[in-house]
PDB file of N, CA and C in Angstrom:
ATOM      1  N   UNK A   1       0.815  -0.875  -0.379  1.00  0.00           N
ATOM      2  CA  UNK A   1       0.496   0.135   0.364  1.00  0.00           C
ATOM      3  C   UNK A   1       0.659   1.058   0.296  1.00  0.00           C
ATOM      4  N   UNK A   2       1.117   2.039  -1.065  1.00  0.00           N
ATOM      5  CA  UNK A   2       1.641   3.457  -1.215  1.00  0.00           C
ATOM      6  C   UNK A   2       0.976   4.413  -0.328  1.00  0.00           C
ATOM      7  N   UNK A   3      -0.003   4.604   0.235  1.00  0.00           N
ATOM      8  CA  UNK A   3      -0.737   6.300   1.027  1.00  0.00           C
ATOM      9  C   UNK A   3      -1.104   5.520   2.695  1.00  0.00           C
ATOM     10  N   UNK A   4      -0.449   5.887   3.655  1.00  0.00           N
ATOM     11  CA  UNK A   4      -0.974   5.644   5.191  1.00  0.00           C
ATOM     12  C   UNK A   4      -2.190   5.754   5.339  1.00  0.00           C
ATOM     13  N   UNK A   5      -2.570   5.194   5.597  1.00  0.00           N
ATOM     14  CA  UNK A   5      -3.857   4.772   6.532  1.00  0.00           C
ATOM     15  C   UNK A   5      -4.281   4.979   7.993  1.00  0.00           C
ATOM     16  N   UNK A   6      -5.390   5.824   8.227  1.00  0.00           N
ATOM     17  CA  UNK A   6      -6.264   5.431   9.097  1.00  0.00           C
ATOM     18  C   UNK A   6      -7.082   4.761   9.485  1.00  0.00           C
ATOM     19  N   UNK A   7      -7.253   3.613   8.728  1.00  0.00           N
ATOM     20  CA  UNK A   7      -8.599   3.265   9.546  1.00  0.00           C
ATOM     21  C   UNK A   7      -9.253   3.075   9.910  1.00  0.00           C
ATOM     22  N   UNK A   8      -8.615   2.480  11.360  1.00  0.00           N
ATOM     23  CA  UNK A   8      -9.539   2.363  12.966  1.00  0.00           C
ATOM     24  C   UNK A   8     -10.127   4.280  13.609  1.00  0.00           C
ATOM     25  N   UNK A   9      -9.030   5.211  13.406  1.00  0.00           N
ATOM     26  CA  UNK A   9      -9.298   5.675  13.299  1.00  0.00           C
ATOM     27  C   UNK A   9     -10.942   6.693  12.278  1.00  0.00           C
ATOM     28  N   UNK A  10     -11.070   6.262  11.356  1.00  0.00           N
ATOM     29  CA  UNK A  10     -11.340   7.189  10.270  1.00  0.00           C
ATOM     30  C   UNK A  10     -12.294   6.367  10.674  1.00  0.00           C
ATOM     31  N   UNK A  11     -12.971   4.922  10.710  1.00  0.00           N
ATOM     32  CA  UNK A  11     -13.760   4.386  11.211  1.00  0.00           C
ATOM     33  C   UNK A  11     -14.754   4.602  12.697  1.00  0.00           C
ATOM     34  N   UNK A  12     -13.780   4.856  13.769  1.00  0.00           N
ATOM     35  CA  UNK A  12     -14.504   5.527  14.804  1.00  0.00           C
ATOM     36  C   UNK A  12     -14.826   7.095  14.790  1.00  0.00           C
ATOM     37  N   UNK A  13     -13.853   7.688  14.065  1.00  0.00           N
ATOM     38  CA  UNK A  13     -14.237   8.498  13.979  1.00  0.00           C
ATOM     39  C   UNK A  13     -16.231   8.368  13.683  1.00  0.00           C
ATOM     40  N   UNK A  14     -15.718   8.561  12.171  1.00  0.00           N
ATOM     41  CA  UNK A  14     -17.592   7.829  11.584  1.00  0.00           C
ATOM     42  C   UNK A  14     -18.188   7.077  12.152  1.00  0.00           C
ATOM     43  N   UNK A  15     -17.994   6.725  13.433  1.00  0.00           N
ATOM     44  CA  UNK A  15     -19.219   5.894  13.860  1.00  0.00           C
ATOM     45  C   UNK A  15     -19.645   7.576  15.422  1.00  0.00           C
ATOM     46  N   UNK A  16     -18.623   7.514  15.502  1.00  0.00           N
ATOM     47  CA  UNK A  16     -18.515   8.726  16.643  1.00  0.00           C
ATOM     48  C   UNK A  16     -19.805  10.140  16.370  1.00  0.00           C
ATOM     49  N   UNK A  17     -19.418  10.247  15.041  1.00  0.00           N
ATOM     50  CA  UNK A  17     -20.232  11.448  14.671  1.00  0.00           C
ATOM     51  C   UNK A  17     -21.544  11.260  14.081  1.00  0.00           C
ATOM     52  N   UNK A  18     -21.622   9.430  13.483  1.00  0.00           N
ATOM     53  CA  UNK A  18     -22.834   8.986  13.312  1.00  0.00           C
ATOM     54  C   UNK A  18     -24.642   8.939  14.510  1.00  0.00           C
ATOM     55  N   UNK A  19     -23.377   8.247  15.524  1.00  0.00           N
ATOM     56  CA  UNK A  19     -23.748   8.830  17.005  1.00  0.00           C
ATOM     57  C   UNK A  19     -24.462   9.914  17.144  1.00  0.00           C
ATOM     58  N   UNK A  20     -23.864  10.632  17.018  1.00  0.00           N
ATOM     59  CA  UNK A  20     -24.202  12.688  17.830  1.00  0.00           C
ATOM     60  C   UNK A  20     -25.324  13.418  16.950  1.00  0.00           C
ATOM     61  N   UNK A  21     -25.169  12.810  15.326  1.00  0.00           N
ATOM     62  CA  UNK A  21     -26.102  12.650  14.801  1.00  0.00           C
ATOM     63  C   UNK A  21     -27.245  12.491  15.261  1.00  0.00           C
ATOM     64  N   UNK A  22     -26.843  10.813  15.310  1.00  0.00           N
ATOM     65  CA  UNK A  22     -28.566  10.744  15.506  1.00  0.00           C
ATOM     66  C   UNK A  22     -29.264  11.045  17.115  1.00  0.00           C
ATOM     67  N   UNK A  23     -28.328  10.741  18.090  1.00  0.00           N
ATOM     68  CA  UNK A  23     -28.871  11.424  19.092  1.00  0.00           C
ATOM     69  C   UNK A  23     -29.526  13.396  19.102  1.00  0.00           C
ATOM     70  N   UNK A  24     -29.088  13.959  18.527  1.00  0.00           N
ATOM     71  CA  UNK A  24     -29.083  15.492  18.279  1.00  0.00           C
ATOM     72  C   UNK A  24     -30.858  15.120  17.172  1.00  0.00           C
ATOM     73  N   UNK A  25     -30.740  14.236  16.351  1.00  0.00           N
ATOM     74  CA  UNK A  25     -32.108  14.569  15.323  1.00  0.00           C
ATOM     75  C   UNK A  25     -33.073  13.892  16.485  1.00  0.00           C
ATOM     76  N   UNK A  26     -32.760  13.157  17.553  1.00  0.00           N
ATOM     77  CA  UNK A  26     -34.128  12.201  17.502  1.00  0.00           C
ATOM     78  C   UNK A  26     -34.801  12.751  19.262  1.00  0.00           C
ATOM     79  N   UNK A  27     -32.985  13.838  19.602  1.00  0.00           N
ATOM     80  CA  UNK A  27     -33.464  14.896  20.673  1.00  0.00           C
ATOM     81  C   UNK A  27     -34.453  16.485  20.116  1.00  0.00           C
ATOM     82  N   UNK A  28     -33.809  16.764  18.585  1.00  0.00           N
ATOM     83  CA  UNK A  28     -35.394  17.711  18.052  1.00  0.00           C
ATOM     84  C   UNK A  28     -36.617  16.950  18.216  1.00  0.00           C
ATOM     85  N   UNK A  29     -36.808  15.859  17.150  1.00  0.00           N
ATOM     86  CA  UNK A  29     -38.155  15.212  16.926  1.00  0.00           C
ATOM     87  C   UNK A  29     -38.794  15.197  17.975  1.00  0.00           C
ATOM     88  N   UNK A  30     -38.175  14.526  19.659  1.00  0.00           N
ATOM     89  CA  UNK A  30     -39.015  14.556  20.702  1.00  0.00           C
ATOM     90  C   UNK A  30     -39.751  15.723  21.041  1.00  0.00           C
ATOM     91  N   UNK A  31     -38.220  17.572  21.366  1.00  0.00           N
ATOM     92  CA  UNK A  31     -38.328  17.851  21.897  1.00  0.00           C
ATOM     93  C   UNK A  31     -39.662  18.726  20.804  1.00  0.00           C
ATOM     94  N   UNK A  32     -39.772  18.325  19.626  1.00  0.00           N
ATOM     95  CA  UNK A  32     -40.450  19.138  18.485  1.00  0.00           C
ATOM     96  C   UNK A  32     -42.679  18.801  18.925  1.00  0.00           C
ATOM     97  N   UNK A  33     -42.279  17.007  19.256  1.00  0.00           N
ATOM     98  CA  UNK A  33     -43.957  16.665  19.480  1.00  0.00           C
ATOM     99  C   UNK A  33     -43.828  17.286  20.658  1.00  0.00           C
ATOM    100  N   UNK A  34     -43.384  16.611  22.199  1.00  0.00           N
ATOM    101  CA  UNK A  34     -43.422  17.005  23.092  1.00  0.00           C
ATOM    102  C   UNK A  34     -43.777  18.869  23.357  1.00  0.00           C
ATOM    103  N   UNK A  35     -43.201  19.590  22.221  1.00  0.00           N
ATOM    104  CA  UNK A  35     -42.817  21.209  23.022  1.00  0.00           C
ATOM    105  C   UNK A  35     -43.105  22.582  21.649  1.00  0.00           C
ATOM    106  N   UNK A  36     -44.516  21.544  21.220  1.00  0.00           N
ATOM    107  CA  UNK A  36     -44.947  22.516  20.474  1.00  0.00           C
ATOM    108  C   UNK A  36     -44.365  24.037  19.953  1.00  0.00           C
ATOM    109  N   UNK A  37     -43.842  24.609  19.435  1.00  0.00           N
ATOM    110  CA  UNK A  37     -43.382  26.012  19.631  1.00  0.00           C
ATOM    111  C   UNK A  37     -44.726  26.639  19.338  1.00  0.00           C
ATOM    112  N   UNK A  38     -45.492  27.541  19.660  1.00  0.00           N
ATOM    113  CA  UNK A  38     -46.596  28.683  19.549  1.00  0.00           C
ATOM    114  C   UNK A  38     -46.586  29.612  18.668  1.00  0.00           C
ATOM    115  N   UNK A  39     -44.448  30.200  18.954  1.00  0.00           N
ATOM    116  CA  UNK A  39     -44.538  31.285  17.691  1.00  0.00           C
ATOM    117  C   UNK A  39     -43.144  31.628  17.981  1.00  0.00           C
ATOM    118  N   UNK A  40     -42.761  31.840  16.900  1.00  0.00           N
ATOM    119  CA  UNK A  40     -41.319  32.471  16.634  1.00  0.00           C
ATOM    120  C   UNK A  40     -40.812  32.781  17.492  1.00  0.00           C
ATOM    121  N   UNK A  41     -41.355  33.535  18.803  1.00  0.00           N
ATOM    122  CA  UNK A  41     -40.770  33.964  19.503  1.00  0.00           C
ATOM    123  C   UNK A  41     -40.196  32.773  20.768  1.00  0.00           C
ATOM    124  N   UNK A  42     -40.967  32.070  20.959  1.00  0.00           N
ATOM    125  CA  UNK A  42     -40.440  30.908  21.558  1.00  0.00           C
ATOM    126  C   UNK A  42     -39.456  30.046  21.072  1.00  0.00           C
ATOM    127  N   UNK A  43     -39.880  29.844  19.738  1.00  0.00           N
ATOM    128  CA  UNK A  43     -38.674  29.355  18.754  1.00  0.00           C
ATOM    129  C   UNK A  43     -37.560  29.662  18.958  1.00  0.00           C
ATOM    130  N   UNK A  44     -37.621  31.021  19.112  1.00  0.00           N
ATOM    131  CA  UNK A  44     -35.906  31.875  18.559  1.00  0.00           C
ATOM    132  C   UNK A  44     -36.183  31.942  20.351  1.00  0.00           C
ATOM    133  N   UNK A  45     -36.858  32.178  21.053  1.00  0.00           N
ATOM    134  CA  UNK A  45     -35.817  31.818  22.673  1.00  0.00           C
ATOM    135  C   UNK A  45     -34.783  30.634  22.550  1.00  0.00           C
ATOM    136  N   UNK A  46     -35.959  29.446  22.288  1.00  0.00           N
ATOM    137  CA  UNK A  46     -34.767  29.079  22.367  1.00  0.00           C
ATOM    138  C   UNK A  46     -33.531  27.968  21.943  1.00  0.00           C
ATOM    139  N   UNK A  47     -33.827  28.581  20.195  1.00  0.00           N
ATOM    140  CA  UNK A  47     -32.624  27.851  19.594  1.00  0.00           C
ATOM    141  C   UNK A  47     -31.731  28.523  20.339  1.00  0.00           C
ATOM    142  N   UNK A  48     -31.785  30.325  20.707  1.00  0.00           N
ATOM    143  CA  UNK A  48     -30.240  31.072  21.168  1.00  0.00           C
ATOM    144  C   UNK A  48     -29.887  30.187  22.583  1.00  0.00           C
ATOM    145  N   UNK A  49     -30.699  29.814  22.907  1.00  0.00           N
ATOM    146  CA  UNK A  49     -30.183  29.490  24.201  1.00  0.00           C
ATOM    147  C   UNK A  49     -28.853  28.948  24.138  1.00  0.00           C
ATOM    148  N   UNK A  50     -27.601  28.849  25.105  1.00  0.00           N
ATOM    149  CA  UNK A  50     -26.630  28.910  25.140  1.00  0.00           C
ATOM    150  C   UNK A  50     -26.340  27.186  24.729  1.00  0.00           C
ATOM    151  N   UNK A  51     -26.589  26.508  25.179  1.00  0.00           N
ATOM    152  CA  UNK A  51     -26.348  24.872  25.295  1.00  0.00           C
ATOM    153  C   UNK A  51     -27.020  24.557  24.186  1.00  0.00           C
ATOM    154  N   UNK A  52     -28.311  25.350  23.312  1.00  0.00           N
ATOM    155  CA  UNK A  52     -28.965  24.607  22.168  1.00  0.00           C
ATOM    156  C   UNK A  52     -27.824  25.610  20.881  1.00  0.00           C
ATOM    157  N   UNK A  53     -27.289  26.359  21.208  1.00  0.00           N
ATOM    158  CA  UNK A  53     -26.276  27.187  20.273  1.00  0.00           C
ATOM    159  C   UNK A  53     -25.015  25.664  20.311  1.00  0.00           C
ATOM    160  N   UNK A  54     -24.007  25.965  20.751  1.00  0.00           N
ATOM    161  CA  UNK A  54     -23.378  24.576  21.780  1.00  0.00           C
ATOM    162  C   UNK A  54     -23.632  23.398  20.969  1.00  0.00           C
ATOM    163  N   UNK A  55     -24.895  22.750  20.708  1.00  0.00           N
ATOM    164  CA  UNK A  55     -25.079  21.470  20.538  1.00  0.00           C
ATOM    165  C   UNK A  55     -25.194  21.083  18.422  1.00  0.00           C
ATOM    166  N   UNK A  56     -25.997  22.832  18.681  1.00  0.00           N
ATOM    167  CA  UNK A  56     -26.026  22.615  17.273  1.00  0.00           C
ATOM    168  C   UNK A  56     -25.028  23.250  16.469  1.00  0.00           C
ATOM    169  N   UNK A  57     -24.207  23.740  17.237  1.00  0.00           N
ATOM    170  CA  UNK A  57     -22.292  23.688  16.124  1.00  0.00           C
ATOM    171  C   UNK A  57     -21.802  22.383  16.616  1.00  0.00           C
ATOM    172  N   UNK A  58     -21.793  21.833  17.711  1.00  0.00           N
ATOM    173  CA  UNK A  58     -21.415  21.004  17.447  1.00  0.00           C
ATOM    174  C   UNK A  58     -22.035  19.588  16.263  1.00  0.00           C
ATOM    175  N   UNK A  59     -23.204  19.549  16.505  1.00  0.00           N
ATOM    176  CA  UNK A  59     -23.940  18.898  14.981  1.00  0.00           C
ATOM    177  C   UNK A  59     -23.232  19.227  14.031  1.00  0.00           C
ATOM    178  N   UNK A  60     -23.417  20.942  12.925  1.00  0.00           N
ATOM    179  CA  UNK A  60     -22.832  21.482  12.587  1.00  0.00           C
ATOM    180  C   UNK A  60     -21.744  20.861  11.453  1.00  0.00           C
ATOM    181  N   UNK A  61     -20.708  20.669  13.245  1.00  0.00           N
ATOM    182  CA  UNK A  61     -19.049  20.328  12.656  1.00  0.00           C
ATOM    183  C   UNK A  61     -19.257  18.581  12.527  1.00  0.00           C
ATOM    184  N   UNK A  62     -19.559  17.803  13.100  1.00  0.00           N
ATOM    185  CA  UNK A  62     -20.217  16.986  13.448  1.00  0.00           C
ATOM    186  C   UNK A  62     -20.794  16.046  12.199  1.00  0.00           C
ATOM    187  N   UNK A  63     -21.714  17.093  11.217  1.00  0.00           N
ATOM    188  CA  UNK A  63     -22.101  16.361  10.100  1.00  0.00           C
ATOM    189  C   UNK A  63     -20.407  16.900   8.716  1.00  0.00           C
ATOM    190  N   UNK A  64     -20.222  18.166   9.081  1.00  0.00           N
ATOM    191  CA  UNK A  64     -19.445  17.909   8.007  1.00  0.00           C
ATOM    192  C   UNK A  64     -18.394  17.127   8.275  1.00  0.00           C
ATOM    193  N   UNK A  65     -17.684  16.689   9.215  1.00  0.00           N
ATOM    194  CA  UNK A  65     -16.663  15.655   9.536  1.00  0.00           C
ATOM    195  C   UNK A  65     -17.118  14.391   8.806  1.00  0.00           C
ATOM    196  N   UNK A  66     -18.234  13.943   9.801  1.00  0.00           N
ATOM    197  CA  UNK A  66     -18.895  12.819   9.384  1.00  0.00           C
ATOM    198  C   UNK A  66     -19.230  12.168   7.258  1.00  0.00           C
ATOM    199  N   UNK A  67     -19.480  13.714   6.775  1.00  0.00           N
ATOM    200  CA  UNK A  67     -19.014  14.077   5.267  1.00  0.00           C
ATOM    201  C   UNK A  67     -18.207  13.287   4.354  1.00  0.00           C
ATOM    202  N   UNK A  68     -17.080  14.794   5.464  1.00  0.00           N
ATOM    203  CA  UNK A  68     -16.018  14.161   4.979  1.00  0.00           C
ATOM    204  C   UNK A  68     -14.962  12.813   4.856  1.00  0.00           C
ATOM    205  N   UNK A  69     -15.491  12.467   5.844  1.00  0.00           N
ATOM    206  CA  UNK A  69     -14.661  11.081   6.157  1.00  0.00           C
ATOM    207  C   UNK A  69     -15.410  10.073   5.146  1.00  0.00           C
ATOM    208  N   UNK A  70     -16.637   9.579   4.798  1.00  0.00           N
ATOM    209  CA  UNK A  70     -17.235   9.082   3.582  1.00  0.00           C
ATOM    210  C   UNK A  70     -17.421   9.231   2.659  1.00  0.00           C
ATOM    211  N   UNK A  71     -17.030  10.682   2.234  1.00  0.00           N
ATOM    212  CA  UNK A  71     -17.150  11.120   0.689  1.00  0.00           C
ATOM    213  C   UNK A  71     -15.700  10.997   0.614  1.00  0.00           C
ATOM    214  N   UNK A  72     -14.698  10.594   1.335  1.00  0.00           N
ATOM    215  CA  UNK A  72     -13.074  10.756   0.655  1.00  0.00           C
ATOM    216  C   UNK A  72     -12.792   9.290   1.412  1.00  0.00           C
ATOM    217  N   UNK A  73     -13.660   8.655   1.698  1.00  0.00           N
ATOM    218  CA  UNK A  73     -13.136   6.514   1.224  1.00  0.00           C
ATOM    219  C   UNK A  73     -14.001   6.610   0.194  1.00  0.00           C
ATOM    220  N   UNK A  74     -14.862   7.022   0.003  1.00  0.00           N
ATOM    221  CA  UNK A  74     -15.530   6.743  -1.423  1.00  0.00           C
ATOM    222  C   UNK A  74     -14.834   7.511  -2.609  1.00  0.00           C
ATOM    223  N   UNK A  75     -14.410   8.490  -2.543  1.00  0.00           N
ATOM    224  CA  UNK A  75     -12.474   8.654  -3.647  1.00  0.00           C
ATOM    225  C   UNK A  75     -12.038   7.936  -3.524  1.00  0.00           C
ATOM    226  N   UNK A  76     -11.579   8.047  -2.723  1.00  0.00           N
ATOM    227  CA  UNK A  76     -10.189   7.338  -2.363  1.00  0.00           C
ATOM    228  C   UNK A  76      -9.942   5.902  -3.576  1.00  0.00           C
ATOM    229  N   UNK A  77     -11.724   4.786  -3.043  1.00  0.00           N
ATOM    230  CA  UNK A  77     -11.957   3.305  -3.561  1.00  0.00           C
ATOM    231  C   UNK A  77     -12.227   3.395  -5.147  1.00  0.00           C
ATOM    232  N   UNK A  78     -12.588   5.033  -5.212  1.00  0.00           N
ATOM    233  CA  UNK A  78     -13.359   4.740  -6.256  1.00  0.00           C
ATOM    234  C   UNK A  78     -12.497   5.363  -8.305  1.00  0.00           C
ATOM    235  N   UNK A  79     -11.931   6.341  -7.440  1.00  0.00           N
ATOM    236  CA  UNK A  79     -11.165   7.523  -8.408  1.00  0.00           C
ATOM    237  C   UNK A  79      -9.906   7.009  -8.119  1.00  0.00           C
ATOM    238  N   UNK A  80      -9.459   6.450  -9.335  1.00  0.00           N
ATOM    239  CA  UNK A  80      -7.227   6.330  -9.711  1.00  0.00           C
ATOM    240  C   UNK A  80      -6.519   6.661  -9.795  1.00  0.00           C
ATOM    241  N   UNK A  81      -6.983   7.785 -11.044  1.00  0.00           N
ATOM    242  CA  UNK A  81      -5.949   8.708 -11.145  1.00  0.00           C
ATOM    243  C   UNK A  81      -6.329   9.248 -10.133  1.00  0.00           C
ATOM    244  N   UNK A  82      -4.212   9.983 -10.149  1.00  0.00           N
ATOM    245  CA  UNK A  82      -4.356  11.063  -9.024  1.00  0.00           C
ATOM    246  C   UNK A  82      -4.734  12.114  -8.856  1.00  0.00           C
ATOM    247  N   UNK A  83      -3.923  12.623 -10.110  1.00  0.00           N
ATOM    248  CA  UNK A  83      -4.788  14.363 -10.029  1.00  0.00           C
ATOM    249  C   UNK A  83      -6.492  14.282 -10.293  1.00  0.00           C
ATOM    250  N   UNK A  84      -7.032  13.311 -10.998  1.00  0.00           N
ATOM    251  CA  UNK A  84      -8.661  13.462 -10.892  1.00  0.00           C
ATOM    252  C   UNK A  84      -8.726  13.104  -9.181  1.00  0.00           C
ATOM    253  N   UNK A  85      -8.023  11.945  -8.292  1.00  0.00           N
ATOM    254  CA  UNK A  85      -8.508  12.077  -6.575  1.00  0.00           C
ATOM    255  C   UNK A  85      -8.496  13.446  -5.929  1.00  0.00           C
ATOM    256  N   UNK A  86      -7.036  14.620  -6.743  1.00  0.00           N
ATOM    257  CA  UNK A  86      -6.757  15.250  -5.631  1.00  0.00           C
ATOM    258  C   UNK A  86      -7.904  15.957  -6.773  1.00  0.00           C
ATOM    259  N   UNK A  87      -8.621  15.953  -7.277  1.00  0.00           N
ATOM    260  CA  UNK A  87      -9.651  17.383  -7.411  1.00  0.00           C
ATOM    261  C   UNK A  87     -10.149  17.521  -6.676  1.00  0.00           C
ATOM    262  N   UNK A  88     -10.836  16.047  -7.059  1.00  0.00           N
ATOM    263  CA  UNK A  88     -12.322  15.630  -6.290  1.00  0.00           C
ATOM    264  C   UNK A  88     -12.463  15.864  -5.325  1.00  0.00           C
ATOM    265  N   UNK A  89     -10.985  15.555  -3.848  1.00  0.00           N
ATOM    266  CA  UNK A  89     -10.824  15.599  -2.598  1.00  0.00           C
ATOM    267  C   UNK A  89     -11.180  16.972  -2.903  1.00  0.00           C
ATOM    268  N   UNK A  90     -10.460  17.847  -3.453  1.00  0.00           N
ATOM    269  CA  UNK A  90     -10.462  19.119  -3.201  1.00  0.00           C
ATOM    270  C   UNK A  90     -11.084  19.587  -3.553  1.00  0.00           C
ATOM    271  N   UNK A  91     -12.053  19.574  -4.328  1.00  0.00           N
ATOM    272  CA  UNK A  91     -13.081  20.672  -4.098  1.00  0.00           C
ATOM    273  C   UNK A  91     -14.447  20.446  -3.399  1.00  0.00           C
ATOM    274  N   UNK A  92     -14.577  19.066  -3.103  1.00  0.00           N
ATOM    275  CA  UNK A  92     -14.639  18.352  -1.714  1.00  0.00           C
ATOM    276  C   UNK A  92     -14.695  18.561  -0.439  1.00  0.00           C
ATOM    277  N   UNK A  93     -13.507  19.068  -0.151  1.00  0.00           N
ATOM    278  CA  UNK A  93     -13.473  20.412   1.449  1.00  0.00           C
ATOM    279  C   UNK A  93     -13.546  21.097   1.019  1.00  0.00           C
ATOM    280  N   UNK A  94     -13.248  21.640  -0.012  1.00  0.00           N
ATOM    281  CA  UNK A  94     -13.289  23.513   0.188  1.00  0.00           C
ATOM    282  C   UNK A  94     -14.722  23.157  -0.223  1.00  0.00           C
ATOM    283  N   UNK A  95     -15.983  22.969  -0.769  1.00  0.00           N
ATOM    284  CA  UNK A  95     -17.425  22.782  -0.388  1.00  0.00           C
ATOM    285  C   UNK A  95     -17.721  22.420   0.753  1.00  0.00           C
ATOM    286  N   UNK A  96     -17.301  21.135   1.335  1.00  0.00           N
ATOM    287  CA  UNK A  96     -17.758  21.104   2.869  1.00  0.00           C
ATOM    288  C   UNK A  96     -17.334  22.500   3.927  1.00  0.00           C
ATOM    289  N   UNK A  97     -16.080  22.999   3.457  1.00  0.00           N
ATOM    290  CA  UNK A  97     -15.380  24.188   4.679  1.00  0.00           C
ATOM    291  C   UNK A  97     -16.725  25.699   4.582  1.00  0.00           C
ATOM    292  N   UNK A  98     -16.884  25.813   3.269  1.00  0.00           N
ATOM    293  CA  UNK A  98     -17.831  26.027   2.735  1.00  0.00           C
ATOM    294  C   UNK A  98     -19.310  27.120   3.429  1.00  0.00           C
ATOM    295  N   UNK A  99     -19.575  25.079   3.258  1.00  0.00           N
ATOM    296  CA  UNK A  99     -21.061  25.198   4.017  1.00  0.00           C
ATOM    297  C   UNK A  99     -20.872  25.516   5.149  1.00  0.00           C
ATOM    298  N   UNK A 100     -19.977  24.433   5.948  1.00  0.00           N
ATOM    299  CA  UNK A 100     -19.601  24.706   7.551  1.00  0.00           C
ATOM    300  C   UNK A 100     -19.414  27.174   7.766  1.00  0.00           C
ATOM    301  N   UNK A 101     -18.445  27.502   7.037  1.00  0.00           N
ATOM    302  CA  UNK A 101     -18.326  28.609   7.967  1.00  0.00           C
ATOM    303  C   UNK A 101     -20.477  29.336   7.333  1.00  0.00           C
ATOM    304  N   UNK A 102     -21.269  29.351   6.130  1.00  0.00           N
ATOM    305  CA  UNK A 102     -22.073  29.619   6.178  1.00  0.00           C
ATOM    306  C   UNK A 102     -23.168  29.217   7.453  1.00  0.00           C
ATOM    307  N   UNK A 103     -23.046  28.099   7.084  1.00  0.00           N
ATOM    308  CA  UNK A 103     -23.385  27.217   8.429  1.00  0.00           C
ATOM    309  C   UNK A 103     -23.250  27.959  10.117  1.00  0.00           C
ATOM    310  N   UNK A 104     -21.806  27.688  10.322  1.00  0.00           N
ATOM    311  CA  UNK A 104     -21.805  28.626  11.414  1.00  0.00           C
ATOM    312  C   UNK A 104     -22.157  30.625  11.448  1.00  0.00           C
ATOM    313  N   UNK A 105     -22.120  30.855  10.426  1.00  0.00           N
ATOM    314  CA  UNK A 105     -22.564  32.554  10.356  1.00  0.00           C
ATOM    315  C   UNK A 105     -23.636  32.422  10.400  1.00  0.00           C
ATOM    316  N   UNK A 106     -24.743  31.701   9.889  1.00  0.00           N
ATOM    317  CA  UNK A 106     -25.948  31.843   9.608  1.00  0.00           C
ATOM    318  C   UNK A 106     -26.484  31.293  11.957  1.00  0.00           C
ATOM    319  N   UNK A 107     -25.529  30.598  12.332  1.00  0.00           N
ATOM    320  CA  UNK A 107     -26.439  30.302  13.693  1.00  0.00           C
ATOM    321  C   UNK A 107     -25.977  31.553  14.522  1.00  0.00           C
ATOM    322  N   UNK A 108     -23.950  32.358  14.453  1.00  0.00           N
ATOM    323  CA  UNK A 108     -24.317  33.429  14.849  1.00  0.00           C
ATOM    324  C   UNK A 108     -24.773  34.487  14.952  1.00  0.00           C
ATOM    325  N   UNK A 109     -26.038  34.349  13.677  1.00  0.00           N
ATOM    326  CA  UNK A 109     -26.552  35.858  13.137  1.00  0.00           C
ATOM    327  C   UNK A 109     -28.496  35.569  13.709  1.00  0.00           C
ATOM    328  N   UNK A 110     -28.240  34.232  14.169  1.00  0.00           N
ATOM    329  CA  UNK A 110     -29.478  33.871  14.960  1.00  0.00           C
ATOM    330  C   UNK A 110     -29.384  34.777  15.900  1.00  0.00           C
ATOM    331  N   UNK A 111     -28.104  34.377  16.949  1.00  0.00           N
ATOM    332  CA  UNK A 111     -28.513  34.182  18.394  1.00  0.00           C
ATOM    333  C   UNK A 111     -28.226  36.113  18.077  1.00  0.00           C
ATOM    334  N   UNK A 112     -28.144  37.151  17.483  1.00  0.00           N
ATOM    335  CA  UNK A 112     -28.189  38.481  17.625  1.00  0.00           C
ATOM    336  C   UNK A 112     -29.704  39.125  17.490  1.00  0.00           C
TER     337      UNK A 112
END
């Protein structure tokens, strides 16, 4: 094998982010089923709580990491030409970084 592998670390990172994503989504589902927001102000107050902001920011980061590990593994498995592989991974990385910056910016704007 010509490239260093971090298989166990990547596998564990993929599983940990999946668990967090699942727990957060179940929490949201339960919250909206048990505590329906009656107005925009009530929803805004809930979303802008410090704990919710942190949990949402961690969700965004976990989603980006989860997507990166999955997409990188697919590209490494199926794209064999080095130049095309590098271009594809670069495009994926730039897209995920841009999405992360946008999502965190929107999250921070919601708190003001």
